[in-house]
Amino acid sequence: MLAKRFLRSVVFATCGIAIFVAAACGVDVDAIRGPKIEELYLVIIRDPDAQLLALEKGQIDLLSDITRPVDIERLASNEELSLSLAQGFHAFFLGFNIRKAPWDRVELRRAIWQAIPRNQLVRDIFSGYSAPLSTFLPPASPYCAEDLEAPPYDLGSARRTLQEAGWRYSNGFLVPPGEDLPLKPMKILSPTAQVAPTTAELAQRITASLRELGLPMDVEPVDFSTLIARLDEHAFDSYVLAWQLSRDPDSLYAFFHSSMDVKGGYNICGIHDDELDAALEALRWAPDEEDARLAARRAQKLLSEKVPMVPIYSRYFVTALRKEWKGAVTTRIATADNVWSLLAMEPEGKMRPFYWCLPEEPRNLNPFTASSAYDWQVLGLIYDTLLTADPETLEDLPWLARDWKVETVSSGDGQVTRLSFILRDDVLWQDGEPFTAKDVAATISFLKEHRVPRFWDAVSDVEAVTVKGNHEITITMKNTSYWHLHQIGGLPILPAWQLASLESWQIWQPIRMIHPQKRNLTMLVGTGPFVFSEYRQGEYVRLVRNDLFWLMSR
């Protein structure tokens, strides 16, 4: 039985405007039986102004990720809409290429952190709809070490820090210790204003702060694909970039462990530090939650000392929903645009389709190679995972697995993690076939055998998979780690029969293939709450309710 967790209604006051979390008072996630929505249209609208007009005219029911303060204020005054605001797993950083001078000087990086007026940037650009970031995980993360204070803005103190380390000034520009000439001109890579106007403005303002400190900086706007290519090739001085992170602190290892400093790797800054590596390894291979929390805090403390990147801000997420839809689930970390809402919502009157804005084309609906958030906004409603997360506390909740156990056991080479799952016995695939442990085993084996890049990190340490009957499965790993539970528990599960016959998974196009037995289905077959129906490029993706979904009759 799931523990009952009641979601509270919250009101946020921002710049004098009340942002009401959509009515969720009294919602018990254990009591949800759904989905009630029969048809779901993900309507593709790329232009932000067109998105607003479609919402105001009732052409869409839900608009996510509203970022411009003027838009938030405009929608907040609309009596037909409810706005929800939540902390997001968002972090925006100024990064350095510390493989080369002058960024390899830690005192310079520390001075830069102190020379950027983060509070003022948030006030001026976001009108309070974001928060200055003081550590290397966003405040929404349960592993964020919020007690580690960032240095306050103090340009004079930043200059003194550099002078005490041997830096001096010549004609207003910094001269490194032991050198005769000022620093040469350098660039901050940034997306263009046409693609990311807020990021471009931030880059300009950060550049102005760095020039005040004495750094000869200018902004170099480039298109996003070029920016990523330059970062992958390590061909840059510094850059600004936002990241959407997860509930686990695995980004710390990916961003800052020396082993991740490879072409195309996430250690873009190029930091190599033995002390930091040890802390990050303790985090990655932590055997339990207590050790994981201690290691996460230790890593964040070291990062605040070594400053491989400067945290700038974490954005709040704002979602608008038409008030005629009731039952939306919202919390301090979840706006109304979540799967719990889609399971619980229904209209005030007669049932009708629900229209949700999709701001980009879902260009790849192959679950093995899909990588964008827009692809998974579709796929995440079709495929299920063994576990899910409580929308308020982020604690693990049963999903396809109704129970689980994590053990540290002895093997020939030492201690390893063993995961045991007891699966639900009332789950059917969307084609009516029963879901069993063989499907889970086949998914894990397929992803590992074919080294599918998107899921390789989750399955690379799997040593053995053992199936017992139809509804019990044990996965033994090669080593110990608390995160193995989330990595395996978060995999999308595919049907075993489909995997057995699948050859060219890299170029698989399941939405263009008809199910061999069910002519009304494509090969995009999951156990999730919605069934894929139709995709019209540039217009919409249509999903229909999965009447076989286990949650409707539990």
Protein backbone atom coordinates (compact mmCIF):
# COMPACT_ATOMS: atom_id res chain seq x y z
CA MET A 1 0.00 0.00 0.00
CA LEU A 2 1.39 3.39 -0.93
CA ALA A 3 1.83 5.84 1.87
CA LYS A 4 -0.85 8.54 1.53
CA ARG A 5 0.66 11.94 0.79
CA PHE A 6 -1.67 14.92 0.55
CA LEU A 7 -0.63 17.81 -1.67
CA ARG A 8 -1.19 21.28 -0.30
CA SER A 9 -2.41 24.37 -2.10
CA VAL A 10 0.23 27.10 -2.00
CA VAL A 11 0.23 30.77 -2.95
CA PHE A 12 3.42 32.49 -4.08
CA ALA A 13 3.62 36.28 -4.10
CA THR A 14 6.05 37.55 -6.71
CA CYS A 15 6.43 41.22 -7.56
CA GLY A 16 2.96 41.93 -6.19
CA ILE A 17 1.21 39.34 -8.37
CA ALA A 18 -0.35 36.27 -6.79
CA ILE A 19 0.66 33.09 -8.58
CA PHE A 20 -1.74 30.39 -7.41
CA VAL A 21 -0.71 26.78 -7.52
CA ALA A 22 -3.54 25.07 -9.38
CA ALA A 23 -6.07 23.54 -7.04
CA ALA A 24 -4.54 20.40 -5.61
CA CYS A 25 -5.76 20.58 -2.04
CA GLY A 26 -6.83 17.15 -0.81
CA VAL A 27 -5.32 15.24 -3.74
CA ASP A 28 -4.01 11.88 -2.58
CA VAL A 29 -1.69 10.31 -5.14
CA ASP A 30 -2.61 6.86 -3.83
CA ALA A 31 -6.26 7.51 -4.63
CA ILE A 32 -5.76 8.56 -8.26
CA ARG A 33 -7.53 6.33 -10.77
CA GLY A 34 -6.88 7.40 -14.29
CA PRO A 35 -6.36 8.73 -16.78
CA LYS A 36 -9.80 10.27 -17.13
CA ILE A 37 -8.75 12.19 -20.25
CA GLU A 38 -9.78 10.21 -23.33
CA GLU A 39 -7.88 12.18 -25.99
CA LEU A 40 -4.65 14.12 -25.52
CA TYR A 41 -3.32 16.43 -28.21
CA LEU A 42 0.24 17.71 -27.92
CA VAL A 43 -0.13 20.78 -30.12
CA ILE A 44 3.11 21.95 -31.76
CA ILE A 45 3.48 25.74 -31.44
CA ARG A 46 7.03 27.06 -31.53
CA ASP A 47 6.55 30.83 -31.37
CA PRO A 48 6.11 32.13 -27.77
CA ASP A 49 3.64 34.84 -28.79
CA ALA A 50 1.56 32.33 -30.75
CA GLN A 51 1.56 30.04 -27.70
CA LEU A 52 0.11 32.83 -25.52
CA LEU A 53 -2.59 33.66 -28.04
CA ALA A 54 -3.57 30.00 -28.41
CA LEU A 55 -3.92 29.69 -24.63
CA GLU A 56 -5.96 32.87 -24.30
CA LYS A 57 -8.26 31.84 -27.16
CA GLY A 58 -8.83 28.38 -25.66
CA GLN A 59 -7.05 26.57 -28.49
CA ILE A 60 -4.76 24.93 -25.91
CA ASP A 61 -5.50 24.10 -22.27
CA LEU A 62 -2.01 24.03 -20.81
CA LEU A 63 1.15 26.03 -21.48
CA SER A 64 4.37 25.06 -19.70
CA ASP A 65 7.68 26.78 -19.09
CA ILE A 66 6.53 30.40 -19.28
CA THR A 67 9.68 32.44 -18.80
CA ARG A 68 9.11 36.10 -19.66
CA PRO A 69 7.89 38.15 -16.66
CA VAL A 70 5.64 40.25 -18.90
CA ASP A 71 3.90 37.06 -20.09
CA ILE A 72 3.46 35.77 -16.54
CA GLU A 73 1.90 39.05 -15.46
CA ARG A 74 -0.37 39.06 -18.52
CA LEU A 75 -1.63 35.53 -17.88
CA ALA A 76 -1.99 36.07 -14.12
CA SER A 77 -4.65 38.69 -14.82
CA ASN A 78 -6.68 36.28 -16.96
CA GLU A 79 -9.61 34.98 -14.89
CA GLU A 80 -9.92 31.88 -17.09
CA LEU A 81 -6.45 30.62 -16.13
CA SER A 82 -4.71 29.21 -13.06
CA LEU A 83 -0.95 29.67 -12.81
CA SER A 84 1.30 27.33 -10.86
CA LEU A 85 4.87 28.09 -9.87
CA ALA A 86 7.49 25.63 -8.63
CA GLN A 87 11.18 25.33 -8.03
CA GLY A 88 12.78 23.54 -10.95
CA PHE A 89 15.79 21.30 -11.46
CA HIS A 90 17.31 24.13 -13.45
CA ALA A 91 20.78 25.62 -13.10
CA PHE A 92 22.52 28.31 -15.14
CA PHE A 93 26.31 28.56 -14.99
CA LEU A 94 29.21 30.61 -16.28
CA GLY A 95 31.80 28.02 -17.27
CA PHE A 96 35.55 28.27 -17.88
CA ASN A 97 38.05 26.27 -19.88
CA ILE A 98 40.45 25.65 -17.00
CA ARG A 99 42.72 23.55 -19.22
CA LYS A 100 44.44 26.81 -20.17
CA ALA A 101 45.46 30.17 -18.72
CA PRO A 102 44.15 32.32 -17.20
CA TRP A 103 41.23 30.12 -16.17
CA ASP A 104 43.56 27.61 -14.51
CA ARG A 105 44.08 30.15 -11.69
CA VAL A 106 41.64 29.36 -8.89
CA GLU A 107 41.94 32.85 -7.36
CA LEU A 108 40.70 34.32 -10.65
CA ARG A 109 37.68 32.03 -10.70
CA ARG A 110 36.89 32.89 -7.07
CA ALA A 111 37.19 36.61 -7.79
CA ILE A 112 34.84 36.28 -10.78
CA TRP A 113 32.21 34.59 -8.58
CA GLN A 114 32.41 37.58 -6.23
CA ALA A 115 32.33 40.12 -9.06
CA ILE A 116 29.02 39.01 -10.62
CA PRO A 117 25.93 40.69 -9.09
CA ARG A 118 23.68 37.63 -9.23
CA ASN A 119 20.91 39.12 -7.07
CA GLN A 120 20.66 42.18 -9.30
CA LEU A 121 20.69 40.06 -12.47
CA VAL A 122 17.74 38.02 -11.17
CA ARG A 123 15.82 41.16 -10.21
CA ASP A 124 16.47 43.02 -13.45
CA ILE A 125 15.99 40.20 -15.96
CA PHE A 126 13.53 37.86 -14.26
CA SER A 127 11.56 40.27 -12.02
CA GLY A 128 11.95 37.80 -9.17
CA TYR A 129 10.79 34.69 -11.06
CA SER A 130 14.17 33.07 -10.49
CA ALA A 131 16.54 32.68 -7.57
CA PRO A 132 20.28 33.38 -7.35
CA LEU A 133 22.13 30.07 -7.27
CA SER A 134 24.64 29.64 -4.47
CA THR A 135 25.75 26.05 -4.97
CA PHE A 136 26.21 23.47 -7.71
CA LEU A 137 22.81 21.78 -7.36
CA PRO A 138 19.49 23.64 -7.65
CA PRO A 139 17.46 24.28 -4.45
CA ALA A 140 14.81 21.79 -5.61
CA SER A 141 17.33 18.95 -5.29
CA PRO A 142 17.08 17.02 -2.02
CA TYR A 143 20.89 16.89 -2.09
CA CYS A 144 21.45 20.64 -2.41
CA ALA A 145 23.81 21.89 0.33
CA GLU A 146 21.95 25.16 0.90
CA ASP A 147 23.99 25.94 4.01
CA LEU A 148 27.07 26.53 1.83
CA GLU A 149 26.88 30.25 1.22
CA ALA A 150 28.14 31.79 -2.00
CA PRO A 151 30.46 34.79 -1.68
CA PRO A 152 28.39 38.01 -1.74
CA TYR A 153 28.81 40.47 -4.57
CA ASP A 154 31.76 42.71 -3.72
CA LEU A 155 33.82 44.03 -6.61
CA GLY A 156 36.34 45.68 -4.31
CA SER A 157 36.94 42.46 -2.40
CA ALA A 158 37.30 40.55 -5.70
CA ARG A 159 40.00 42.96 -6.84
CA ARG A 160 41.82 42.65 -3.51
CA THR A 161 41.70 38.85 -3.79
CA LEU A 162 43.54 39.06 -7.09
CA GLN A 163 46.06 41.64 -5.93
CA GLU A 164 46.91 39.56 -2.86
CA ALA A 165 47.63 36.63 -5.22
CA GLY A 166 50.08 38.73 -7.26
CA TRP A 167 47.83 40.12 -10.00
CA ARG A 168 48.15 43.77 -10.95
CA TYR A 169 46.47 46.26 -13.27
CA SER A 170 47.81 47.94 -16.41
CA ASN A 171 45.54 50.46 -18.17
CA GLY A 172 42.55 48.94 -16.38
CA PHE A 173 43.22 45.33 -17.42
CA LEU A 174 44.63 42.51 -15.33
CA VAL A 175 48.21 41.34 -15.60
CA PRO A 176 48.80 37.76 -14.33
CA PRO A 177 51.43 37.10 -11.65
CA GLY A 178 54.96 36.94 -13.06
CA GLU A 179 53.97 38.38 -16.46
CA ASP A 180 54.58 41.78 -18.04
CA LEU A 181 51.61 42.17 -20.37
CA PRO A 182 47.87 42.32 -19.66
CA LEU A 183 45.60 39.42 -20.57
CA LYS A 184 44.77 39.04 -24.24
CA PRO A 185 41.14 39.54 -25.40
CA MET A 186 38.87 36.58 -24.61
CA LYS A 187 35.32 35.52 -25.47
CA ILE A 188 32.23 34.22 -23.69
CA LEU A 189 30.34 31.82 -25.94
CA SER A 190 26.60 32.42 -25.88
CA PRO A 191 23.55 31.39 -27.90
CA THR A 192 22.25 34.11 -30.21
CA ALA A 193 19.62 36.58 -29.05
CA GLN A 194 17.23 35.23 -31.69
CA VAL A 195 17.33 31.74 -30.18
CA ALA A 196 17.82 32.52 -26.47
CA PRO A 197 17.26 36.24 -25.77
CA THR A 198 17.47 35.92 -21.98
CA THR A 199 20.72 33.96 -22.08
CA ALA A 200 22.16 36.44 -24.58
CA GLU A 201 21.30 39.35 -22.29
CA LEU A 202 22.83 37.54 -19.32
CA ALA A 203 26.00 36.96 -21.31
CA GLN A 204 26.24 40.68 -22.04
CA ARG A 205 25.73 41.64 -18.40
CA ILE A 206 28.19 39.05 -17.10
CA THR A 207 30.72 40.28 -19.65
CA ALA A 208 30.27 43.84 -18.37
CA SER A 209 30.95 42.62 -14.81
CA LEU A 210 34.10 40.78 -15.90
CA ARG A 211 35.37 43.87 -17.72
CA GLU A 212 34.84 45.88 -14.52
CA LEU A 213 37.04 43.32 -12.78
CA GLY A 214 39.72 43.89 -15.43
CA LEU A 215 39.18 40.99 -17.83
CA PRO A 216 39.24 41.89 -21.57
CA MET A 217 36.04 39.97 -22.36
CA ASP A 218 33.51 40.14 -25.19
CA VAL A 219 30.49 38.00 -26.06
CA GLU A 220 30.67 35.67 -29.06
CA PRO A 221 27.09 34.78 -30.08
CA VAL A 222 26.85 31.53 -32.04
CA ASP A 223 24.02 29.23 -33.03
CA PHE A 224 23.33 26.52 -30.51
CA SER A 225 24.72 23.61 -32.55
CA THR A 226 27.98 25.51 -33.06
CA LEU A 227 28.15 26.32 -29.36
CA ILE A 228 27.80 22.65 -28.41
CA ALA A 229 30.38 21.63 -31.02
CA ARG A 230 32.87 24.19 -29.68
CA LEU A 231 32.34 22.94 -26.13
CA ASP A 232 32.75 19.33 -27.27
CA GLU A 233 36.04 20.23 -28.97
CA HIS A 234 37.20 22.29 -25.96
CA ALA A 235 37.65 25.25 -28.34
CA PHE A 236 36.53 28.09 -26.07
CA ASP A 237 37.58 30.47 -23.30
CA SER A 238 34.33 30.59 -21.32
CA TYR A 239 30.62 30.11 -21.93
CA VAL A 240 27.14 30.48 -20.43
CA LEU A 241 24.68 27.61 -20.45
CA ALA A 242 21.60 26.37 -18.61
CA TRP A 243 21.06 22.76 -17.59
CA GLN A 244 17.92 20.81 -16.73
CA LEU A 245 19.01 18.36 -14.03
CA SER A 246 17.39 15.39 -12.27
CA ARG A 247 16.41 14.62 -8.69
CA ASP A 248 19.66 12.67 -8.20
CA PRO A 249 22.98 14.52 -7.83
CA ASP A 250 24.59 12.51 -10.65
CA SER A 251 25.30 15.75 -12.53
CA LEU A 252 28.13 16.45 -10.07
CA TYR A 253 30.03 13.36 -11.21
CA ALA A 254 29.25 13.96 -14.88
CA PHE A 255 30.29 17.62 -14.82
CA PHE A 256 33.36 17.48 -12.62
CA HIS A 257 34.98 14.02 -12.44
CA SER A 258 38.24 13.87 -14.39
CA SER A 259 37.18 10.70 -16.23
CA MET A 260 34.40 12.70 -17.91
CA ASP A 261 36.90 15.10 -19.50
CA VAL A 262 36.72 13.55 -22.96
CA LYS A 263 35.62 14.83 -26.33
CA GLY A 264 31.87 15.33 -26.06
CA GLY A 265 31.93 14.62 -22.33
CA TYR A 266 30.08 16.65 -19.71
CA ASN A 267 33.25 17.75 -17.90
CA ILE A 268 33.34 20.77 -20.20
CA CYS A 269 35.47 22.87 -17.86
CA GLY A 270 38.24 20.22 -17.83
CA ILE A 271 38.81 20.08 -14.10
CA HIS A 272 41.19 17.38 -12.84
CA ASP A 273 41.49 17.30 -9.07
CA ASP A 274 42.30 14.22 -6.99
CA GLU A 275 40.51 15.44 -3.87
CA LEU A 276 37.37 16.27 -5.84
CA ASP A 277 37.53 12.99 -7.77
CA ALA A 278 37.62 11.07 -4.48
CA ALA A 279 34.53 12.88 -3.20
CA LEU A 280 32.67 12.34 -6.48
CA GLU A 281 33.57 8.64 -6.50
CA ALA A 282 32.28 8.35 -2.94
CA LEU A 283 29.03 9.91 -4.18
CA ARG A 284 28.70 7.73 -7.28
CA TRP A 285 29.42 4.48 -5.43
CA ALA A 286 27.70 5.37 -2.14
CA PRO A 287 26.15 2.16 -0.74
CA ASP A 288 23.18 3.88 0.93
CA GLU A 289 21.33 7.19 1.15
CA GLU A 290 23.14 8.44 4.26
CA ASP A 291 26.54 8.00 2.62
CA ALA A 292 25.19 9.55 -0.58
CA ARG A 293 24.07 12.70 1.26
CA LEU A 294 27.39 13.06 3.04
CA ALA A 295 29.32 12.60 -0.21
CA ALA A 296 27.09 15.05 -2.09
CA ARG A 297 27.68 17.72 0.52
CA ARG A 298 31.43 17.07 0.53
CA ALA A 299 31.57 17.38 -3.25
CA GLN A 300 29.61 20.65 -3.22
CA LYS A 301 31.90 22.09 -0.55
CA LEU A 302 34.97 21.26 -2.62
CA LEU A 303 33.37 22.74 -5.74
CA SER A 304 32.64 25.98 -3.87
CA GLU A 305 36.37 26.16 -3.08
CA LYS A 306 37.67 25.20 -6.53
CA VAL A 307 34.98 27.04 -8.58
CA PRO A 308 35.26 25.23 -11.94
CA MET A 309 32.03 27.05 -12.87
CA VAL A 310 30.19 29.99 -11.34
CA PRO A 311 26.54 29.28 -10.43
CA ILE A 312 24.33 32.17 -11.56
CA TYR A 313 20.62 31.37 -11.07
CA SER A 314 17.97 28.69 -10.87
CA ARG A 315 14.73 29.40 -12.67
CA TYR A 316 11.26 28.90 -11.29
CA PHE A 317 8.88 27.05 -13.58
CA VAL A 318 5.51 28.60 -14.35
CA THR A 319 2.62 26.76 -16.00
CA ALA A 320 -0.79 28.09 -17.03
CA LEU A 321 -3.88 25.85 -17.05
CA ARG A 322 -7.43 26.67 -18.06
CA LYS A 323 -9.62 26.68 -14.95
CA GLU A 324 -12.28 24.44 -16.50
CA TRP A 325 -9.92 21.50 -15.86
CA LYS A 326 -9.98 20.26 -12.27
CA GLY A 327 -7.76 17.84 -10.37
CA ALA A 328 -4.31 19.13 -11.40
CA VAL A 329 -1.53 17.96 -9.09
CA THR A 330 0.91 20.68 -8.05
CA THR A 331 3.59 20.97 -5.37
CA ARG A 332 6.54 23.21 -4.52
CA ILE A 333 8.60 21.27 -7.11
CA ALA A 334 5.92 20.38 -9.66
CA THR A 335 3.70 22.67 -11.71
CA ALA A 336 0.53 21.32 -13.32
CA ASP A 337 2.36 19.90 -16.35
CA ASN A 338 3.10 16.45 -14.93
CA VAL A 339 1.88 12.90 -15.44
CA TRP A 340 -0.02 12.91 -12.12
CA SER A 341 -2.15 15.78 -13.46
CA LEU A 342 -2.84 13.90 -16.68
CA LEU A 343 -3.95 10.90 -14.62
CA ALA A 344 -6.22 12.92 -12.32
CA MET A 345 -7.64 15.80 -14.39
CA GLU A 346 -11.10 16.03 -15.90
CA PRO A 347 -13.15 18.95 -17.25
CA GLU A 348 -15.88 20.66 -15.25
CA GLY A 349 -18.48 19.67 -17.81
CA LYS A 350 -18.66 17.13 -20.60
CA MET A 351 -15.47 15.23 -21.43
CA ARG A 352 -13.51 16.70 -24.31
CA PRO A 353 -9.92 16.42 -25.64
CA PHE A 354 -7.11 18.00 -23.63
CA TYR A 355 -4.72 20.25 -25.59
CA TRP A 356 -1.17 20.65 -24.27
CA CYS A 357 1.35 22.92 -26.01
CA LEU A 358 4.48 21.19 -27.33
CA PRO A 359 6.99 24.01 -28.07
CA GLU A 360 9.20 21.99 -30.40
CA GLU A 361 8.79 19.22 -32.93
CA PRO A 362 9.29 15.70 -31.48
CA ARG A 363 11.78 14.76 -34.16
CA ASN A 364 12.59 11.29 -32.90
CA LEU A 365 10.07 8.84 -31.43
CA ASN A 366 12.49 5.94 -31.31
CA PRO A 367 12.83 5.23 -27.55
CA PHE A 368 16.42 3.98 -27.99
CA THR A 369 17.75 7.14 -29.63
CA ALA A 370 15.30 9.88 -28.61
CA SER A 371 17.15 12.48 -26.58
CA SER A 372 15.20 15.73 -26.41
CA ALA A 373 12.71 16.65 -23.70
CA TYR A 374 10.09 17.06 -26.43
CA ASP A 375 10.58 13.50 -27.67
CA TRP A 376 10.17 12.19 -24.12
CA GLN A 377 7.16 14.39 -23.42
CA VAL A 378 5.47 11.98 -25.84
CA LEU A 379 7.33 8.74 -25.09
CA GLY A 380 7.09 9.19 -21.33
CA LEU A 381 3.30 8.83 -21.55
CA ILE A 382 3.57 5.56 -23.51
CA TYR A 383 6.32 3.71 -21.62
CA ASP A 384 6.40 2.97 -17.90
CA THR A 385 9.21 2.38 -15.42
CA LEU A 386 9.54 0.11 -12.39
CA LEU A 387 9.55 3.02 -9.95
CA THR A 388 8.34 6.61 -9.93
CA ALA A 389 8.83 9.63 -7.67
CA ASP A 390 6.46 11.22 -5.20
CA PRO A 391 5.51 14.61 -6.73
CA GLU A 392 5.94 16.37 -3.41
CA THR A 393 8.79 14.64 -1.57
CA LEU A 394 10.64 13.01 -4.51
CA GLU A 395 10.73 9.75 -2.53
CA ASP A 396 10.59 6.50 -4.48
CA LEU A 397 7.11 5.12 -5.12
CA PRO A 398 6.04 1.76 -6.58
CA TRP A 399 4.97 1.73 -10.21
CA LEU A 400 5.39 -1.37 -12.41
CA ALA A 401 7.15 -2.86 -9.39
CA ARG A 402 4.94 -3.01 -6.32
CA ASP A 403 7.84 -3.74 -3.98
CA TRP A 404 11.64 -3.81 -4.07
CA LYS A 405 14.69 -4.48 -1.97
CA VAL A 406 18.26 -3.16 -2.19
CA GLU A 407 20.99 -5.29 -0.65
CA THR A 408 24.76 -5.19 -0.42
CA VAL A 409 25.99 -8.76 -0.79
CA SER A 410 29.36 -10.48 -1.07
CA SER A 411 30.68 -11.75 -4.38
CA GLY A 412 33.99 -13.23 -5.47
CA ASP A 413 35.46 -9.77 -6.01
CA GLY A 414 34.01 -8.06 -2.95
CA GLN A 415 30.73 -6.28 -2.18
CA VAL A 416 28.05 -5.69 -4.83
CA THR A 417 24.53 -4.28 -4.98
CA ARG A 418 21.61 -6.64 -5.56
CA LEU A 419 18.22 -5.26 -6.59
CA SER A 420 15.13 -7.42 -6.15
CA PHE A 421 11.78 -6.35 -7.62
CA ILE A 422 8.33 -7.86 -7.17
CA LEU A 423 6.26 -6.75 -10.14
CA ARG A 424 2.59 -5.93 -10.33
CA ASP A 425 0.51 -8.87 -11.58
CA ASP A 426 -2.29 -6.73 -13.06
CA VAL A 427 -0.36 -4.89 -15.78
CA LEU A 428 -1.10 -5.41 -19.48
CA TRP A 429 0.72 -4.13 -22.51
CA GLN A 430 -1.30 -1.84 -24.74
CA ASP A 431 -1.89 -4.78 -27.09
CA GLY A 432 -3.48 -6.79 -24.25
CA GLU A 433 -0.56 -9.13 -23.53
CA PRO A 434 0.45 -9.57 -19.86
CA PHE A 435 3.49 -7.72 -18.57
CA THR A 436 6.02 -10.05 -16.90
CA ALA A 437 9.53 -10.17 -15.49
CA LYS A 438 10.73 -11.48 -18.87
CA ASP A 439 10.01 -8.05 -20.35
CA VAL A 440 12.17 -6.34 -17.74
CA ALA A 441 15.00 -8.85 -18.23
CA ALA A 442 14.82 -8.51 -22.02
CA THR A 443 14.95 -4.71 -21.82
CA ILE A 444 18.01 -4.67 -19.57
CA SER A 445 19.78 -7.34 -21.63
CA PHE A 446 19.03 -5.58 -24.93
CA LEU A 447 20.27 -2.20 -23.71
CA LYS A 448 23.48 -3.74 -22.37
CA GLU A 449 24.18 -6.08 -25.29
CA HIS A 450 23.76 -3.29 -27.84
CA ARG A 451 25.42 -0.64 -25.65
CA VAL A 452 22.60 1.80 -26.36
CA PRO A 453 24.28 5.15 -25.55
CA ARG A 454 21.32 6.87 -23.87
CA PHE A 455 20.95 4.04 -21.34
CA TRP A 456 24.48 2.68 -21.18
CA ASP A 457 25.34 4.34 -17.88
CA ALA A 458 22.33 2.66 -16.26
CA VAL A 459 23.07 -0.88 -17.45
CA SER A 460 26.86 -1.00 -17.91
CA ASP A 461 27.41 -2.33 -14.37
CA VAL A 462 24.78 -5.10 -14.61
CA GLU A 463 26.44 -8.45 -13.86
CA ALA A 464 23.46 -10.82 -13.92
CA VAL A 465 19.67 -10.82 -14.31
CA THR A 466 17.63 -13.59 -12.73
CA VAL A 467 13.91 -14.14 -13.36
CA LYS A 468 11.79 -16.10 -10.89
CA GLY A 469 8.32 -16.85 -12.17
CA ASN A 470 6.36 -14.14 -13.94
CA HIS A 471 6.63 -11.36 -11.40
CA GLU A 472 9.97 -11.53 -9.63
CA ILE A 473 13.33 -10.37 -10.95
CA THR A 474 16.76 -9.85 -9.39
CA ILE A 475 19.50 -7.70 -10.90
CA THR A 476 23.03 -8.15 -9.53
CA MET A 477 25.48 -5.34 -10.23
CA LYS A 478 29.28 -5.48 -10.50
CA ASN A 479 29.77 -3.02 -7.66
CA THR A 480 27.92 -1.14 -4.93
CA SER A 481 25.98 2.07 -5.49
CA TYR A 482 22.81 3.54 -4.02
CA TRP A 483 22.04 5.01 -7.46
CA HIS A 484 21.73 1.61 -9.13
CA LEU A 485 18.15 1.52 -7.83
CA HIS A 486 17.16 4.70 -9.68
CA GLN A 487 19.12 3.81 -12.81
CA ILE A 488 17.44 0.41 -13.19
CA GLY A 489 14.13 1.53 -11.70
CA GLY A 490 13.97 4.44 -14.15
CA LEU A 491 14.45 2.48 -17.38
CA PRO A 492 11.51 2.51 -19.84
CA ILE A 493 10.42 -1.12 -20.23
CA LEU A 494 9.71 -2.55 -23.71
CA PRO A 495 7.99 -5.86 -24.58
CA ALA A 496 10.29 -8.88 -24.83
CA TRP A 497 8.73 -10.16 -28.07
CA GLN A 498 9.47 -6.86 -29.78
CA LEU A 499 13.08 -6.76 -28.64
CA ALA A 500 13.67 -10.33 -29.79
CA SER A 501 12.84 -9.43 -33.39
CA LEU A 502 14.38 -5.95 -33.46
CA GLU A 503 17.57 -5.69 -35.52
CA SER A 504 18.36 -2.12 -36.55
CA TRP A 505 17.43 -0.33 -33.32
CA GLN A 506 19.40 2.78 -34.34
CA ILE A 507 17.10 3.52 -37.30
CA TRP A 508 13.92 1.95 -35.92
CA GLN A 509 10.81 4.00 -36.70
CA PRO A 510 8.06 2.38 -34.62
CA ILE A 511 5.34 4.92 -35.44
CA ARG A 512 5.59 3.97 -39.13
CA MET A 513 5.14 0.26 -38.45
CA ILE A 514 1.82 -1.50 -37.76
CA HIS A 515 1.52 -3.97 -34.89
CA PRO A 516 1.49 -7.52 -36.30
CA GLN A 517 -1.68 -8.55 -34.40
CA LYS A 518 -3.42 -5.26 -33.54
CA ARG A 519 -3.97 -3.26 -36.70
CA ASN A 520 -5.13 -0.23 -34.72
CA LEU A 521 -1.71 0.03 -33.02
CA THR A 522 1.74 0.99 -34.20
CA MET A 523 4.88 -0.68 -32.87
CA LEU A 524 5.15 2.02 -30.23
CA VAL A 525 3.68 -0.30 -27.59
CA GLY A 526 4.11 0.35 -23.87
CA THR A 527 2.24 -0.12 -20.62
CA GLY A 528 1.74 3.61 -20.01
CA PRO A 529 -1.46 5.62 -19.61
CA PHE A 530 -1.70 6.79 -23.22
CA VAL A 531 -1.49 5.06 -26.60
CA PHE A 532 0.13 6.67 -29.63
CA SER A 533 -2.43 7.42 -32.34
CA GLU A 534 -1.16 9.98 -34.83
CA TYR A 535 1.63 12.46 -35.54
CA ARG A 536 1.13 15.32 -37.96
CA GLN A 537 4.42 17.14 -38.35
CA GLY A 538 4.14 20.81 -37.49
CA GLU A 539 0.62 20.33 -36.11
CA TYR A 540 0.19 17.84 -33.27
CA VAL A 541 0.78 14.43 -31.72
CA ARG A 542 -2.46 12.69 -30.81
CA LEU A 543 -2.59 10.16 -27.97
CA VAL A 544 -5.63 8.28 -26.71
CA ARG A 545 -6.36 6.83 -23.29
CA ASN A 546 -5.03 3.34 -22.62
CA ASP A 547 -8.16 1.64 -21.31
CA LEU A 548 -6.00 -1.29 -20.20
CA PHE A 549 -3.83 0.92 -17.96
CA TRP A 550 -3.41 -0.78 -14.59
CA LEU A 551 -3.98 2.36 -12.53
CA MET A 552 -7.57 2.69 -13.77
CA SER A 553 -8.67 -0.43 -11.90
CA ARG A 554 -6.26 -0.81 -8.98
